[in-house]
Amino acid sequence: MGLLVVTPDISYPHEVLSTPAREESATRFEVFVAGCSLCVKDSYSVATLPMGVSGPSGFGPSVVSTMARGGAVRFEVVRAYPPAKQSQQIFVMRATLLIKAGDGQLSPVATGLLDDEEVTALATAVAEISKRPSPRKAEELAPDMSEIEFHGGSLRFGVIRIKGAEVAYIQAGDLRSLRPPSALETTHALFLPVSDLPALHEVIGQVERRIRELRGQ
């Protein structure tokens, strides 16, 4: 992925220690724009996915507080190309995390980018994770906590499951310096019920279709 390859993957979080700051661009799109002295950037709104208010039991105060406020994720497709050279266009999905303030207005929390060729991988990950069975309180061999994630570009998506409860999350920002959310704390992330994953999958599908349309496919 340009100078810094961040391979999209499904893995267990908390395996890599944070680094102070991102030294290189996270996406091909950012590398392209940085090297384009005169560049046209077009943005196309796709959808805004609302995140309803809920209060999962068993999770820490910061997670419960975030979910109690509610919010949304705004999805866009951004295209960049040099003037008069539209054939050199490059695409990225942009996701902006929004959370409700005290007056009910949505305020941006963080923004993440995912290169167009990784959008399908994200859709596949969302579909796969949503099919995993929910934890059962009475299951003797159930782990105390189970975490699974996808990461690519400057976006991280995952699900945290504890006995009898589960939440999904979307995190945006410099993944090299941001730890994945946990059951107790979070940074630059929004949480949503796992039951909302089909809606998230549909929105990502809309992003894929918009990119194909813009490419003329």
Protein backbone atom coordinates (compact mmCIF):
# COMPACT_ATOMS: atom_id res chain seq x y z
CA MET A 1 0.00 0.00 0.00
CA GLY A 2 2.30 2.69 -1.26
CA LEU A 3 5.30 3.12 1.02
CA LEU A 4 3.66 1.55 4.06
CA VAL A 5 1.85 -1.71 3.43
CA VAL A 6 -0.97 -2.31 5.89
CA THR A 7 -2.45 -5.62 4.81
CA PRO A 8 -6.18 -5.97 5.52
CA ASP A 9 -6.59 -8.88 7.87
CA ILE A 10 -8.85 -10.52 10.38
CA SER A 11 -6.92 -11.04 13.60
CA TYR A 12 -7.04 -10.74 17.34
CA PRO A 13 -6.20 -7.22 18.56
CA HIS A 14 -3.77 -6.07 21.24
CA GLU A 15 -0.91 -7.98 19.56
CA VAL A 16 1.14 -4.98 18.43
CA LEU A 17 2.33 -2.19 20.70
CA SER A 18 1.48 1.36 19.71
CA THR A 19 4.07 3.60 18.07
CA PRO A 20 4.28 7.35 18.76
CA ALA A 21 3.20 8.54 15.32
CA ARG A 22 2.62 7.43 11.77
CA GLU A 23 5.75 8.14 9.78
CA GLU A 24 4.43 7.23 6.33
CA SER A 25 1.14 7.41 4.48
CA ALA A 26 -1.33 4.65 5.27
CA THR A 27 -2.99 4.43 1.85
CA ARG A 28 -2.06 4.46 -1.82
CA PHE A 29 -4.49 7.37 -2.14
CA GLU A 30 -2.51 9.50 0.30
CA VAL A 31 0.77 8.63 -1.43
CA PHE A 32 -0.76 9.58 -4.78
CA VAL A 33 -2.11 12.91 -3.52
CA ALA A 34 1.16 13.76 -1.76
CA GLY A 35 3.06 13.26 -5.01
CA CYS A 36 0.54 15.11 -7.18
CA SER A 37 1.66 18.77 -7.23
CA LEU A 38 -1.62 19.84 -8.88
CA CYS A 39 -4.47 17.52 -8.06
CA VAL A 40 -8.25 17.45 -8.46
CA LYS A 41 -10.22 15.78 -5.65
CA ASP A 42 -13.92 14.99 -6.00
CA SER A 43 -16.01 13.58 -3.15
CA TYR A 44 -19.28 11.68 -3.51
CA SER A 45 -21.64 11.07 -0.61
CA VAL A 46 -22.84 7.49 -0.41
CA ALA A 47 -24.75 7.01 2.85
CA THR A 48 -24.83 7.84 6.55
CA LEU A 49 -25.29 4.87 8.84
CA PRO A 50 -26.99 5.83 12.13
CA MET A 51 -25.91 4.17 15.34
CA GLY A 52 -28.77 3.82 17.75
CA VAL A 53 -28.61 4.43 21.47
CA SER A 54 -28.02 1.34 23.59
CA GLY A 55 -26.42 0.33 26.88
CA PRO A 56 -24.74 -3.10 26.79
CA SER A 57 -24.18 -4.77 30.14
CA GLY A 58 -20.75 -5.94 31.18
CA PHE A 59 -18.76 -3.28 29.31
CA GLY A 60 -16.78 -0.41 30.80
CA PRO A 61 -18.10 3.13 31.39
CA SER A 62 -16.47 4.65 28.29
CA VAL A 63 -18.02 2.04 25.98
CA VAL A 64 -21.44 2.32 27.62
CA SER A 65 -21.25 6.13 27.58
CA THR A 66 -20.38 6.21 23.88
CA MET A 67 -23.21 3.86 22.95
CA ALA A 68 -25.67 5.77 25.16
CA ARG A 69 -24.99 8.97 23.20
CA GLY A 70 -25.55 7.50 19.75
CA GLY A 71 -23.97 8.69 16.53
CA ALA A 72 -23.44 7.86 12.89
CA VAL A 73 -20.82 7.00 10.29
CA ARG A 74 -20.77 8.98 7.06
CA PHE A 75 -19.43 7.08 4.03
CA GLU A 76 -18.05 8.82 0.95
CA VAL A 77 -16.06 7.96 -2.15
CA VAL A 78 -13.20 10.35 -2.93
CA ARG A 79 -11.54 10.47 -6.35
CA ALA A 80 -8.24 12.18 -7.15
CA TYR A 81 -6.46 12.78 -10.45
CA PRO A 82 -4.18 15.33 -12.15
CA PRO A 83 -6.00 17.94 -14.26
CA ALA A 84 -6.51 16.78 -17.86
CA LYS A 85 -5.38 13.27 -16.86
CA GLN A 86 -8.57 11.74 -15.53
CA SER A 87 -7.36 8.35 -16.78
CA GLN A 88 -4.93 8.40 -13.84
CA GLN A 89 -7.75 8.62 -11.30
CA ILE A 90 -7.50 6.87 -7.95
CA PHE A 91 -10.28 6.17 -5.44
CA VAL A 92 -10.62 5.81 -1.69
CA MET A 93 -13.49 5.20 0.73
CA ARG A 94 -13.71 7.83 3.46
CA ALA A 95 -15.55 7.08 6.71
CA THR A 96 -16.23 9.90 9.16
CA LEU A 97 -17.26 8.95 12.69
CA LEU A 98 -19.86 11.27 14.22
CA ILE A 99 -21.16 11.30 17.79
CA LYS A 100 -24.11 13.15 19.28
CA ALA A 101 -23.25 16.14 21.44
CA GLY A 102 -25.35 17.40 24.35
CA ASP A 103 -27.61 19.40 22.05
CA GLY A 104 -28.23 16.41 19.80
CA GLN A 105 -26.01 17.68 16.99
CA LEU A 106 -23.57 15.28 15.38
CA SER A 107 -19.91 16.16 15.88
CA PRO A 108 -17.02 14.50 14.02
CA VAL A 109 -14.76 12.24 16.10
CA ALA A 110 -12.33 10.87 13.53
CA THR A 111 -11.94 10.12 9.82
CA GLY A 112 -10.43 7.05 8.18
CA LEU A 113 -9.50 6.09 4.62
CA LEU A 114 -9.53 2.72 2.88
CA ASP A 115 -8.17 2.22 -0.65
CA ASP A 116 -10.74 1.09 -3.20
CA GLU A 117 -9.20 -2.36 -3.74
CA GLU A 118 -9.61 -3.10 0.00
CA VAL A 119 -13.30 -2.18 0.22
CA THR A 120 -14.35 -5.66 -0.92
CA ALA A 121 -12.11 -7.21 1.74
CA LEU A 122 -13.85 -5.09 4.38
CA ALA A 123 -17.27 -6.17 3.11
CA THR A 124 -16.17 -9.80 3.29
CA ALA A 125 -14.87 -9.33 6.83
CA VAL A 126 -18.13 -7.72 8.00
CA ALA A 127 -20.13 -10.60 6.50
CA GLU A 128 -17.86 -13.23 8.05
CA ILE A 129 -17.81 -11.66 11.50
CA SER A 130 -21.58 -11.19 11.54
CA LYS A 131 -22.02 -14.94 10.99
CA ARG A 132 -20.03 -15.91 14.07
CA PRO A 133 -22.36 -17.25 16.79
CA SER A 134 -23.15 -14.99 19.72
CA PRO A 135 -21.87 -16.00 23.16
CA ARG A 136 -24.17 -17.94 25.45
CA LYS A 137 -24.19 -17.25 29.16
CA ALA A 138 -24.52 -20.92 30.07
CA GLU A 139 -21.78 -22.18 27.76
CA GLU A 140 -19.18 -23.78 30.03
CA LEU A 141 -16.18 -23.48 27.72
CA ALA A 142 -16.95 -19.98 26.47
CA PRO A 143 -13.97 -17.60 26.78
CA ASP A 144 -14.23 -14.66 29.14
CA MET A 145 -13.60 -12.39 26.16
CA SER A 146 -13.29 -12.89 22.41
CA GLU A 147 -12.08 -10.20 19.99
CA ILE A 148 -11.77 -10.23 16.23
CA GLU A 149 -10.84 -7.38 13.89
CA PHE A 150 -10.19 -6.22 10.35
CA HIS A 151 -7.76 -3.38 9.69
CA GLY A 152 -6.65 -1.58 6.57
CA GLY A 153 -5.60 1.96 5.68
CA SER A 154 -6.69 4.12 8.61
CA LEU A 155 -9.82 2.10 9.50
CA ARG A 156 -10.29 -0.72 11.99
CA PHE A 157 -13.49 -2.74 12.36
CA GLY A 158 -14.16 -5.45 14.88
CA VAL A 159 -16.36 -7.17 17.41
CA ILE A 160 -15.79 -7.61 21.15
CA ARG A 161 -17.66 -10.47 22.80
CA ILE A 162 -17.87 -11.21 26.51
CA LYS A 163 -20.10 -13.76 28.21
CA GLY A 164 -23.66 -12.79 27.44
CA ALA A 165 -22.91 -9.55 25.56
CA GLU A 166 -21.23 -8.25 22.42
CA VAL A 167 -20.60 -5.00 20.55
CA ALA A 168 -19.16 -4.10 17.16
CA TYR A 169 -17.00 -1.05 16.56
CA ILE A 170 -15.47 1.13 13.88
CA GLN A 171 -12.24 2.97 14.69
CA ALA A 172 -10.58 5.58 12.49
CA GLY A 173 -7.22 7.31 12.62
CA ASP A 174 -3.55 6.38 12.77
CA LEU A 175 -3.72 2.67 13.47
CA ARG A 176 -0.02 2.53 14.31
CA SER A 177 -0.59 4.73 17.34
CA LEU A 178 -4.16 3.73 18.26
CA ARG A 179 -4.78 0.60 20.25
CA PRO A 180 -7.92 -1.32 19.24
CA PRO A 181 -10.94 -0.64 21.44
CA SER A 182 -11.42 -2.96 24.39
CA ALA A 183 -14.34 -3.85 26.62
CA LEU A 184 -13.21 -1.16 29.07
CA GLU A 185 -11.84 1.74 27.02
CA THR A 186 -11.78 3.22 23.55
CA THR A 187 -10.27 5.99 21.47
CA HIS A 188 -11.48 7.39 18.15
CA ALA A 189 -14.17 4.69 17.83
CA LEU A 190 -17.92 4.30 17.65
CA PHE A 191 -19.80 1.24 18.85
CA LEU A 192 -22.88 -0.39 17.37
CA PRO A 193 -24.98 -3.47 18.12
CA VAL A 194 -23.84 -6.59 16.28
CA SER A 195 -27.39 -6.81 14.91
CA ASP A 196 -26.58 -3.70 12.83
CA LEU A 197 -23.79 -5.44 10.89
CA PRO A 198 -26.06 -6.36 7.92
CA ALA A 199 -26.84 -2.65 7.50
CA LEU A 200 -23.11 -1.86 7.60
CA HIS A 201 -22.48 -4.55 4.98
CA GLU A 202 -25.13 -3.00 2.72
CA VAL A 203 -23.58 0.46 2.97
CA ILE A 204 -20.14 -0.90 2.10
CA GLY A 205 -21.75 -2.58 -0.90
CA GLN A 206 -23.09 0.81 -1.96
CA VAL A 207 -19.55 2.19 -1.75
CA GLU A 208 -18.32 -0.63 -4.02
CA ARG A 209 -21.06 0.07 -6.56
CA ARG A 210 -20.37 3.81 -6.59
CA ILE A 211 -16.68 3.23 -7.27
CA ARG A 212 -17.52 0.90 -10.16
CA GLU A 213 -19.90 3.49 -11.59
CA LEU A 214 -17.26 6.21 -11.42
CA ARG A 215 -14.79 3.91 -13.13
CA GLY A 216 -17.36 3.32 -15.86
CA GLN A 217 -17.58 -0.39 -15.15
